[in-house]
């Protein structure tokens, strides 16, 4: 049941991200991470969890080192947990750097496991 829920959440994030980014230009690229520079803010200045999760997912997919990996994203009040399997410590570290670079992310709990 838990796996099905995570799959559903991941699929939802991908769908929402696709819908939000449809018709957008490529925007700026973050020179430190090489990923799209995505800014997420709400009226009160805090990040919206769905938008943050979508931005993280989009940035992870855009990263050449990470685009073919199955990384799950959970966001609660700007705190992001990333989990799943990666092939190396370098990929694990890169996923954390990419996630941390997203505007609105307060903290990253990196639960990625190296296969």
Protein backbone atom coordinates (compact mmCIF):
# COMPACT_ATOMS: atom_id res chain seq x y z
CA UNK A 1 0.00 0.00 0.00
CA UNK A 2 2.85 2.40 0.87
CA UNK A 3 4.57 1.77 -2.49
CA UNK A 4 1.33 2.40 -4.33
CA UNK A 5 0.85 5.68 -2.43
CA UNK A 6 4.40 6.85 -3.25
CA UNK A 7 3.94 5.93 -6.90
CA UNK A 8 0.69 7.87 -6.98
CA UNK A 9 2.29 10.89 -5.30
CA UNK A 10 5.25 10.81 -7.69
CA UNK A 11 2.94 10.49 -10.71
CA UNK A 12 0.86 13.39 -9.41
CA UNK A 13 3.93 15.56 -8.95
CA UNK A 14 5.09 14.79 -12.48
CA UNK A 15 1.64 15.58 -13.88
CA UNK A 16 1.31 18.83 -11.97
CA UNK A 17 4.84 19.82 -12.95
CA UNK A 18 4.12 19.15 -16.59
CA UNK A 19 0.95 21.21 -16.44
CA UNK A 20 2.64 24.09 -14.64
CA UNK A 21 5.61 24.17 -16.97
CA UNK A 22 3.66 23.73 -20.19
CA UNK A 23 4.32 26.77 -22.32
CA UNK A 24 7.06 28.17 -20.07
CA UNK A 25 10.38 29.15 -21.51
CA UNK A 26 13.52 27.39 -20.35
CA UNK A 27 14.36 30.20 -17.94
CA UNK A 28 17.73 30.69 -16.35
CA UNK A 29 20.07 27.88 -15.45
CA UNK A 30 21.68 27.71 -12.02
CA UNK A 31 25.42 27.87 -12.73
CA UNK A 32 26.34 25.89 -9.59
CA UNK A 33 24.07 22.91 -10.21
CA UNK A 34 23.47 23.20 -13.97
CA UNK A 35 19.73 22.84 -13.36
CA UNK A 36 16.89 25.21 -14.24
CA UNK A 37 16.63 28.05 -11.76
CA UNK A 38 13.10 27.61 -10.39
CA UNK A 39 11.73 30.12 -7.92
CA UNK A 40 8.73 29.23 -5.79
CA UNK A 41 7.04 31.74 -3.51
CA UNK A 42 3.54 32.40 -2.25
CA UNK A 43 1.92 35.64 -1.10
CA UNK A 44 3.16 35.20 2.45
CA UNK A 45 6.70 34.49 1.20
CA UNK A 46 6.76 30.80 2.10
CA UNK A 47 7.03 27.98 -0.36
CA UNK A 48 3.95 26.01 -1.31
CA UNK A 49 4.59 22.27 -0.83
CA UNK A 50 3.07 21.16 -4.14
CA UNK A 51 4.99 23.80 -6.08
CA UNK A 52 8.20 22.95 -4.22
CA UNK A 53 7.78 19.22 -4.91
CA UNK A 54 7.10 19.98 -8.58
CA UNK A 55 10.15 22.26 -8.80
CA UNK A 56 12.36 19.64 -7.12
CA UNK A 57 11.06 16.91 -9.42
CA UNK A 58 11.61 19.07 -12.50
CA UNK A 59 15.15 19.97 -11.41
CA UNK A 60 16.05 16.33 -10.66
CA UNK A 61 14.75 15.21 -14.06
CA UNK A 62 16.66 18.04 -15.77
CA UNK A 63 19.96 17.02 -14.16
CA UNK A 64 21.91 14.72 -16.51
CA UNK A 65 23.32 12.69 -13.59
CA UNK A 66 19.86 12.07 -12.11
CA UNK A 67 17.29 12.09 -14.91
CA UNK A 68 16.93 8.31 -15.26
CA UNK A 69 16.58 7.59 -11.54
CA UNK A 70 13.39 6.92 -9.59
CA UNK A 71 13.58 9.45 -6.77
CA UNK A 72 10.55 9.98 -4.56
CA UNK A 73 9.87 13.43 -3.13
CA UNK A 74 7.85 14.30 -0.04
CA UNK A 75 7.42 17.90 1.07
CA UNK A 76 5.98 19.24 4.31
CA UNK A 77 6.16 22.96 5.07
CA UNK A 78 9.26 23.35 2.92
CA UNK A 79 11.09 20.37 4.41
CA UNK A 80 11.83 17.93 1.59
CA UNK A 81 12.56 14.22 1.94
CA UNK A 82 14.11 12.49 -1.06
CA UNK A 83 14.21 8.71 -1.15
CA UNK A 84 14.86 5.88 -3.56
CA UNK A 85 17.94 4.24 -5.04
CA UNK A 86 20.92 5.81 -6.77
CA UNK A 87 24.00 4.25 -8.32
CA UNK A 88 26.69 6.22 -6.47
CA UNK A 89 27.48 8.56 -3.60
CA UNK A 90 28.05 11.27 -6.22
CA UNK A 91 24.45 10.91 -7.42
CA UNK A 92 23.19 10.98 -3.84
CA UNK A 93 25.13 14.17 -3.13
CA UNK A 94 24.05 15.76 -6.43
CA UNK A 95 20.38 15.04 -5.69
CA UNK A 96 20.74 16.78 -2.34
CA UNK A 97 22.51 19.79 -3.92
CA UNK A 98 19.82 20.10 -6.61
CA UNK A 99 17.03 19.84 -4.02
CA UNK A 100 18.66 22.35 -1.66
CA UNK A 101 19.00 24.88 -4.51
CA UNK A 102 15.23 25.11 -5.00
CA UNK A 103 13.69 28.28 -3.60
CA UNK A 104 11.33 27.52 -0.73
CA UNK A 105 13.19 24.41 0.46
CA UNK A 106 14.03 24.83 4.14
CA UNK A 107 15.70 21.48 4.80
CA UNK A 108 16.53 18.27 2.92
CA UNK A 109 16.29 14.83 4.48
CA UNK A 110 18.33 12.67 2.10
CA UNK A 111 17.17 9.07 2.43
CA UNK A 112 18.60 7.98 -0.92
CA UNK A 113 20.37 4.63 -0.83
CA UNK A 114 23.34 3.70 -3.00
CA UNK A 115 22.66 0.36 -4.75
